[in-house]
PDB file of N, CA and C in Angstrom:
ATOM      1  N   UNK A   1       0.854  -1.431   0.075  1.00  0.00           N
ATOM      2  CA  UNK A   1       0.228   0.132   0.189  1.00  0.00           C
ATOM      3  C   UNK A   1       0.854   0.999  -0.208  1.00  0.00           C
ATOM      4  N   UNK A   2       0.552   2.441  -0.697  1.00  0.00           N
ATOM      5  CA  UNK A   2       1.652   3.721  -0.678  1.00  0.00           C
ATOM      6  C   UNK A   2       0.523   4.607  -0.559  1.00  0.00           C
ATOM      7  N   UNK A   3       0.779   6.048   0.075  1.00  0.00           N
ATOM      8  CA  UNK A   3       0.131   6.506   0.833  1.00  0.00           C
ATOM      9  C   UNK A   3       0.898   7.861   1.350  1.00  0.00           C
ATOM     10  N   UNK A   4       0.291   8.640   1.534  1.00  0.00           N
ATOM     11  CA  UNK A   4       1.363   9.895   1.837  1.00  0.00           C
ATOM     12  C   UNK A   4       1.362   9.460   3.227  1.00  0.00           C
ATOM     13  N   UNK A   5       2.289   9.793   4.397  1.00  0.00           N
ATOM     14  CA  UNK A   5       2.258   9.742   5.373  1.00  0.00           C
ATOM     15  C   UNK A   5       2.021  10.538   6.688  1.00  0.00           C
ATOM     16  N   UNK A   6       1.156  10.044   7.731  1.00  0.00           N
ATOM     17  CA  UNK A   6       0.450  10.393   8.769  1.00  0.00           C
ATOM     18  C   UNK A   6       1.605  11.177   9.241  1.00  0.00           C
ATOM     19  N   UNK A   7       1.085  11.922   9.727  1.00  0.00           N
ATOM     20  CA  UNK A   7       1.988  13.171  10.698  1.00  0.00           C
ATOM     21  C   UNK A   7       2.982  12.774  11.509  1.00  0.00           C
ATOM     22  N   UNK A   8       3.932  12.863  12.128  1.00  0.00           N
ATOM     23  CA  UNK A   8       5.118  11.871  13.289  1.00  0.00           C
ATOM     24  C   UNK A   8       5.601  10.940  12.427  1.00  0.00           C
ATOM     25  N   UNK A   9       4.992  10.408  11.198  1.00  0.00           N
ATOM     26  CA  UNK A   9       5.666   9.199  10.512  1.00  0.00           C
ATOM     27  C   UNK A   9       6.157   9.431   9.207  1.00  0.00           C
ATOM     28  N   UNK A  10       6.679  11.039   8.694  1.00  0.00           N
ATOM     29  CA  UNK A  10       6.773  11.955   7.438  1.00  0.00           C
ATOM     30  C   UNK A  10       8.391  11.768   7.241  1.00  0.00           C
ATOM     31  N   UNK A  11       8.955  10.481   8.131  1.00  0.00           N
ATOM     32  CA  UNK A  11      10.348  10.464   7.956  1.00  0.00           C
ATOM     33  C   UNK A  11      11.105   9.470   6.725  1.00  0.00           C
ATOM     34  N   UNK A  12      12.691   9.605   6.404  1.00  0.00           N
ATOM     35  CA  UNK A  12      13.043   8.693   5.636  1.00  0.00           C
ATOM     36  C   UNK A  12      13.102   7.425   6.185  1.00  0.00           C
ATOM     37  N   UNK A  13      12.811   6.446   5.049  1.00  0.00           N
ATOM     38  CA  UNK A  13      12.266   5.252   5.528  1.00  0.00           C
ATOM     39  C   UNK A  13      11.392   4.157   5.074  1.00  0.00           C
ATOM     40  N   UNK A  14      10.971   2.869   5.055  1.00  0.00           N
ATOM     41  CA  UNK A  14      10.436   2.175   4.643  1.00  0.00           C
ATOM     42  C   UNK A  14       9.424   1.525   6.034  1.00  0.00           C
ATOM     43  N   UNK A  15       8.112   1.376   6.077  1.00  0.00           N
ATOM     44  CA  UNK A  15       7.471   0.871   6.860  1.00  0.00           C
ATOM     45  C   UNK A  15       6.710  -0.653   6.757  1.00  0.00           C
ATOM     46  N   UNK A  16       7.715  -1.677   7.161  1.00  0.00           N
ATOM     47  CA  UNK A  16       6.966  -2.953   7.238  1.00  0.00           C
ATOM     48  C   UNK A  16       5.403  -3.165   7.595  1.00  0.00           C
ATOM     49  N   UNK A  17       4.711  -3.311   6.643  1.00  0.00           N
ATOM     50  CA  UNK A  17       3.057  -3.844   7.594  1.00  0.00           C
ATOM     51  C   UNK A  17       2.724  -5.002   6.972  1.00  0.00           C
ATOM     52  N   UNK A  18       2.294  -5.432   8.613  1.00  0.00           N
ATOM     53  CA  UNK A  18       1.790  -6.576   8.916  1.00  0.00           C
ATOM     54  C   UNK A  18       0.398  -7.207   8.569  1.00  0.00           C
ATOM     55  N   UNK A  19       0.487  -7.599   7.691  1.00  0.00           N
ATOM     56  CA  UNK A  19      -1.636  -8.486   7.505  1.00  0.00           C
ATOM     57  C   UNK A  19      -2.054  -9.267   8.472  1.00  0.00           C
ATOM     58  N   UNK A  20      -2.804  -8.731   9.383  1.00  0.00           N
ATOM     59  CA  UNK A  20      -3.299  -9.815  10.124  1.00  0.00           C
ATOM     60  C   UNK A  20      -4.900  -9.675  10.260  1.00  0.00           C
ATOM     61  N   UNK A  21      -5.519 -10.552  10.714  1.00  0.00           N
ATOM     62  CA  UNK A  21      -7.195 -10.900  10.534  1.00  0.00           C
ATOM     63  C   UNK A  21      -8.498 -10.167  11.462  1.00  0.00           C
ATOM     64  N   UNK A  22      -7.711 -10.296  13.340  1.00  0.00           N
ATOM     65  CA  UNK A  22      -8.073  -8.660  14.188  1.00  0.00           C
ATOM     66  C   UNK A  22      -6.929  -7.800  14.351  1.00  0.00           C
ATOM     67  N   UNK A  23      -6.929  -6.833  13.864  1.00  0.00           N
ATOM     68  CA  UNK A  23      -5.877  -5.871  14.611  1.00  0.00           C
ATOM     69  C   UNK A  23      -6.173  -5.986  16.350  1.00  0.00           C
ATOM     70  N   UNK A  24      -6.964  -5.587  16.906  1.00  0.00           N
ATOM     71  CA  UNK A  24      -7.507  -5.050  17.859  1.00  0.00           C
ATOM     72  C   UNK A  24      -6.700  -6.490  18.934  1.00  0.00           C
ATOM     73  N   UNK A  25      -7.003  -7.567  18.461  1.00  0.00           N
ATOM     74  CA  UNK A  25      -6.468  -8.821  18.734  1.00  0.00           C
ATOM     75  C   UNK A  25      -5.474  -8.840  19.112  1.00  0.00           C
ATOM     76  N   UNK A  26      -4.369  -9.008  17.776  1.00  0.00           N
ATOM     77  CA  UNK A  26      -2.879  -8.940  17.607  1.00  0.00           C
ATOM     78  C   UNK A  26      -2.123  -8.243  18.781  1.00  0.00           C
ATOM     79  N   UNK A  27      -2.656  -6.618  18.688  1.00  0.00           N
ATOM     80  CA  UNK A  27      -2.813  -5.566  19.370  1.00  0.00           C
ATOM     81  C   UNK A  27      -2.608  -5.794  20.910  1.00  0.00           C
ATOM     82  N   UNK A  28      -3.632  -6.176  21.408  1.00  0.00           N
ATOM     83  CA  UNK A  28      -3.582  -6.530  22.643  1.00  0.00           C
ATOM     84  C   UNK A  28      -2.567  -7.799  22.948  1.00  0.00           C
ATOM     85  N   UNK A  29      -2.225  -8.688  21.855  1.00  0.00           N
ATOM     86  CA  UNK A  29      -1.367 -10.185  22.484  1.00  0.00           C
ATOM     87  C   UNK A  29      -0.223  -9.360  21.983  1.00  0.00           C
ATOM     88  N   UNK A  30       0.422  -8.410  21.029  1.00  0.00           N
ATOM     89  CA  UNK A  30       1.984  -7.719  20.921  1.00  0.00           C
ATOM     90  C   UNK A  30       2.089  -6.968  22.175  1.00  0.00           C
ATOM     91  N   UNK A  31       0.939  -6.454  23.431  1.00  0.00           N
ATOM     92  CA  UNK A  31       0.999  -5.438  24.349  1.00  0.00           C
ATOM     93  C   UNK A  31       1.461  -6.044  25.395  1.00  0.00           C
ATOM     94  N   UNK A  32       1.082  -7.249  25.041  1.00  0.00           N
ATOM     95  CA  UNK A  32       0.987  -8.270  26.885  1.00  0.00           C
ATOM     96  C   UNK A  32       2.083  -8.638  26.899  1.00  0.00           C
ATOM     97  N   UNK A  33       3.166  -9.001  25.257  1.00  0.00           N
ATOM     98  CA  UNK A  33       4.622  -8.881  25.065  1.00  0.00           C
ATOM     99  C   UNK A  33       5.388  -7.443  25.477  1.00  0.00           C
ATOM    100  N   UNK A  34       4.897  -7.352  25.501  1.00  0.00           N
ATOM    101  CA  UNK A  34       5.759  -5.663  25.943  1.00  0.00           C
ATOM    102  C   UNK A  34       5.975  -4.825  24.673  1.00  0.00           C
ATOM    103  N   UNK A  35       5.320  -4.957  23.629  1.00  0.00           N
ATOM    104  CA  UNK A  35       5.320  -4.163  22.675  1.00  0.00           C
ATOM    105  C   UNK A  35       4.331  -3.069  22.873  1.00  0.00           C
ATOM    106  N   UNK A  36       5.589  -1.931  22.803  1.00  0.00           N
ATOM    107  CA  UNK A  36       4.472  -0.643  22.487  1.00  0.00           C
ATOM    108  C   UNK A  36       3.855  -0.088  21.933  1.00  0.00           C
ATOM    109  N   UNK A  37       2.524   0.681  20.999  1.00  0.00           N
ATOM    110  CA  UNK A  37       2.354   0.943  20.184  1.00  0.00           C
ATOM    111  C   UNK A  37       2.398   2.200  20.189  1.00  0.00           C
ATOM    112  N   UNK A  38       2.777   3.694  18.723  1.00  0.00           N
ATOM    113  CA  UNK A  38       2.790   4.688  18.920  1.00  0.00           C
ATOM    114  C   UNK A  38       1.249   4.966  18.887  1.00  0.00           C
ATOM    115  N   UNK A  39       0.072   4.287  17.909  1.00  0.00           N
ATOM    116  CA  UNK A  39      -0.934   4.420  17.271  1.00  0.00           C
ATOM    117  C   UNK A  39      -1.743   3.390  17.771  1.00  0.00           C
ATOM    118  N   UNK A  40      -3.164   3.574  18.151  1.00  0.00           N
ATOM    119  CA  UNK A  40      -3.703   2.598  18.516  1.00  0.00           C
ATOM    120  C   UNK A  40      -4.298   1.844  16.671  1.00  0.00           C
ATOM    121  N   UNK A  41      -5.315   0.653  16.785  1.00  0.00           N
ATOM    122  CA  UNK A  41      -5.520   0.593  15.860  1.00  0.00           C
ATOM    123  C   UNK A  41      -6.416   1.728  15.881  1.00  0.00           C
ATOM    124  N   UNK A  42      -6.516   2.010  14.049  1.00  0.00           N
ATOM    125  CA  UNK A  42      -7.733   3.218  14.019  1.00  0.00           C
ATOM    126  C   UNK A  42      -7.929   2.893  12.194  1.00  0.00           C
ATOM    127  N   UNK A  43      -9.018   3.228  11.518  1.00  0.00           N
ATOM    128  CA  UNK A  43      -9.410   3.107   9.894  1.00  0.00           C
ATOM    129  C   UNK A  43      -9.097   4.390   9.562  1.00  0.00           C
ATOM    130  N   UNK A  44      -8.290   3.964   8.343  1.00  0.00           N
ATOM    131  CA  UNK A  44      -7.671   4.799   7.630  1.00  0.00           C
ATOM    132  C   UNK A  44      -8.670   4.823   6.674  1.00  0.00           C
ATOM    133  N   UNK A  45      -9.319   3.979   6.252  1.00  0.00           N
ATOM    134  CA  UNK A  45     -10.243   3.906   5.111  1.00  0.00           C
ATOM    135  C   UNK A  45     -10.902   3.075   4.849  1.00  0.00           C
ATOM    136  N   UNK A  46     -12.518   3.542   4.072  1.00  0.00           N
ATOM    137  CA  UNK A  46     -13.337   2.749   4.036  1.00  0.00           C
ATOM    138  C   UNK A  46     -13.728   2.476   2.603  1.00  0.00           C
ATOM    139  N   UNK A  47     -13.673   1.164   1.856  1.00  0.00           N
ATOM    140  CA  UNK A  47     -13.819   0.932   0.610  1.00  0.00           C
ATOM    141  C   UNK A  47     -15.062   0.463   0.200  1.00  0.00           C
ATOM    142  N   UNK A  48     -15.498   0.059  -1.392  1.00  0.00           N
ATOM    143  CA  UNK A  48     -16.379  -0.509  -1.749  1.00  0.00           C
ATOM    144  C   UNK A  48     -16.633  -1.160  -0.959  1.00  0.00           C
ATOM    145  N   UNK A  49     -15.801  -2.287  -0.276  1.00  0.00           N
ATOM    146  CA  UNK A  49     -16.679  -3.770   0.442  1.00  0.00           C
ATOM    147  C   UNK A  49     -15.468  -4.347   1.968  1.00  0.00           C
ATOM    148  N   UNK A  50     -14.832  -3.588   1.970  1.00  0.00           N
ATOM    149  CA  UNK A  50     -13.934  -3.831   3.685  1.00  0.00           C
ATOM    150  C   UNK A  50     -13.298  -2.084   3.678  1.00  0.00           C
ATOM    151  N   UNK A  51     -12.792  -2.297   4.815  1.00  0.00           N
ATOM    152  CA  UNK A  51     -11.792  -1.110   5.742  1.00  0.00           C
ATOM    153  C   UNK A  51     -10.796  -1.379   5.976  1.00  0.00           C
ATOM    154  N   UNK A  52      -9.450  -0.023   6.283  1.00  0.00           N
ATOM    155  CA  UNK A  52      -8.432  -0.157   6.002  1.00  0.00           C
ATOM    156  C   UNK A  52      -8.171   0.008   7.577  1.00  0.00           C
ATOM    157  N   UNK A  53      -7.714  -0.733   8.542  1.00  0.00           N
ATOM    158  CA  UNK A  53      -7.263  -0.435   9.860  1.00  0.00           C
ATOM    159  C   UNK A  53      -5.572  -0.369   9.902  1.00  0.00           C
ATOM    160  N   UNK A  54      -5.195   0.329  10.605  1.00  0.00           N
ATOM    161  CA  UNK A  54      -3.084   0.494  10.929  1.00  0.00           C
ATOM    162  C   UNK A  54      -3.665   0.439  12.378  1.00  0.00           C
ATOM    163  N   UNK A  55      -2.783   0.199  13.354  1.00  0.00           N
ATOM    164  CA  UNK A  55      -1.868   0.893  14.345  1.00  0.00           C
ATOM    165  C   UNK A  55      -0.239   0.112  14.687  1.00  0.00           C
ATOM    166  N   UNK A  56       0.510   1.492  14.780  1.00  0.00           N
ATOM    167  CA  UNK A  56       1.921   1.242  14.318  1.00  0.00           C
ATOM    168  C   UNK A  56       2.415   1.328  15.806  1.00  0.00           C
ATOM    169  N   UNK A  57       3.918   0.689  15.358  1.00  0.00           N
ATOM    170  CA  UNK A  57       5.087   0.360  16.608  1.00  0.00           C
ATOM    171  C   UNK A  57       6.220   0.326  16.217  1.00  0.00           C
ATOM    172  N   UNK A  58       6.939   0.566  16.799  1.00  0.00           N
ATOM    173  CA  UNK A  58       8.593   0.565  16.506  1.00  0.00           C
ATOM    174  C   UNK A  58       9.168  -1.330  17.087  1.00  0.00           C
ATOM    175  N   UNK A  59      10.248  -1.304  16.664  1.00  0.00           N
ATOM    176  CA  UNK A  59      11.202  -2.142  17.137  1.00  0.00           C
ATOM    177  C   UNK A  59      12.174  -1.904  17.500  1.00  0.00           C
ATOM    178  N   UNK A  60      12.927  -2.868  18.340  1.00  0.00           N
ATOM    179  CA  UNK A  60      14.243  -2.176  19.347  1.00  0.00           C
ATOM    180  C   UNK A  60      14.707  -1.289  18.499  1.00  0.00           C
ATOM    181  N   UNK A  61      15.108  -0.758  17.173  1.00  0.00           N
ATOM    182  CA  UNK A  61      15.949  -0.138  16.674  1.00  0.00           C
ATOM    183  C   UNK A  61      14.909   1.337  16.114  1.00  0.00           C
ATOM    184  N   UNK A  62      13.902   1.223  16.537  1.00  0.00           N
ATOM    185  CA  UNK A  62      13.276   2.687  16.053  1.00  0.00           C
ATOM    186  C   UNK A  62      12.597   2.659  14.735  1.00  0.00           C
ATOM    187  N   UNK A  63      12.748   1.503  13.739  1.00  0.00           N
ATOM    188  CA  UNK A  63      12.079   1.646  13.071  1.00  0.00           C
ATOM    189  C   UNK A  63      10.847   1.512  12.959  1.00  0.00           C
ATOM    190  N   UNK A  64       9.822   1.894  12.233  1.00  0.00           N
ATOM    191  CA  UNK A  64       8.415   1.531  12.339  1.00  0.00           C
ATOM    192  C   UNK A  64       7.664   0.634  12.234  1.00  0.00           C
ATOM    193  N   UNK A  65       6.677  -0.245  12.305  1.00  0.00           N
ATOM    194  CA  UNK A  65       6.574  -1.252  11.585  1.00  0.00           C
ATOM    195  C   UNK A  65       4.736  -0.859  11.802  1.00  0.00           C
ATOM    196  N   UNK A  66       3.925  -1.474  11.039  1.00  0.00           N
ATOM    197  CA  UNK A  66       2.313  -1.554  11.718  1.00  0.00           C
ATOM    198  C   UNK A  66       1.628  -2.738  11.703  1.00  0.00           C
ATOM    199  N   UNK A  67       0.504  -3.140  12.614  1.00  0.00           N
ATOM    200  CA  UNK A  67      -0.390  -3.920  11.468  1.00  0.00           C
ATOM    201  C   UNK A  67      -1.176  -3.718  10.645  1.00  0.00           C
ATOM    202  N   UNK A  68      -2.088  -3.699  10.163  1.00  0.00           N
ATOM    203  CA  UNK A  68      -2.720  -3.875   9.071  1.00  0.00           C
ATOM    204  C   UNK A  68      -3.857  -4.423   8.996  1.00  0.00           C
ATOM    205  N   UNK A  69      -5.421  -4.243   8.920  1.00  0.00           N
ATOM    206  CA  UNK A  69      -6.603  -5.722   8.510  1.00  0.00           C
ATOM    207  C   UNK A  69      -7.517  -4.731   7.645  1.00  0.00           C
ATOM    208  N   UNK A  70      -7.394  -5.506   6.412  1.00  0.00           N
ATOM    209  CA  UNK A  70      -8.523  -5.104   5.867  1.00  0.00           C
ATOM    210  C   UNK A  70      -9.859  -5.759   6.042  1.00  0.00           C
ATOM    211  N   UNK A  71     -10.759  -5.708   6.984  1.00  0.00           N
ATOM    212  CA  UNK A  71     -11.970  -6.442   7.229  1.00  0.00           C
ATOM    213  C   UNK A  71     -12.870  -5.996   6.044  1.00  0.00           C
ATOM    214  N   UNK A  72     -14.219  -7.324   5.972  1.00  0.00           N
ATOM    215  CA  UNK A  72     -14.935  -7.163   5.076  1.00  0.00           C
ATOM    216  C   UNK A  72     -16.155  -6.318   5.869  1.00  0.00           C
ATOM    217  N   UNK A  73     -16.815  -5.180   4.650  1.00  0.00           N
ATOM    218  CA  UNK A  73     -17.790  -4.523   5.016  1.00  0.00           C
ATOM    219  C   UNK A  73     -19.135  -5.588   5.111  1.00  0.00           C
ATOM    220  N   UNK A  74     -20.222  -5.803   5.370  1.00  0.00           N
ATOM    221  CA  UNK A  74     -21.362  -6.813   6.264  1.00  0.00           C
ATOM    222  C   UNK A  74     -22.025  -6.067   4.200  1.00  0.00           C
ATOM    223  N   UNK A  75     -22.963  -7.381   4.203  1.00  0.00           N
ATOM    224  CA  UNK A  75     -23.974  -6.106   3.027  1.00  0.00           C
ATOM    225  C   UNK A  75     -24.892  -5.541   3.293  1.00  0.00           C
TER     226      UNK A  75
END
């Protein structure tokens, strides 16, 4: 996915996105293991058939990583 970075993330480098089914569950699981998130899961887009959600965190070297989920919309 390509997009303009959100404020606070507009620095040189690449973001590695991990696709997950349930972003809140994965965020809770990683938080319980000591991972600190920079942003809570938040919706960034609504498409015709799904939404796009992100939650950003950093690795031990300060690189930005993110969880991404694309839940389908119910008809």
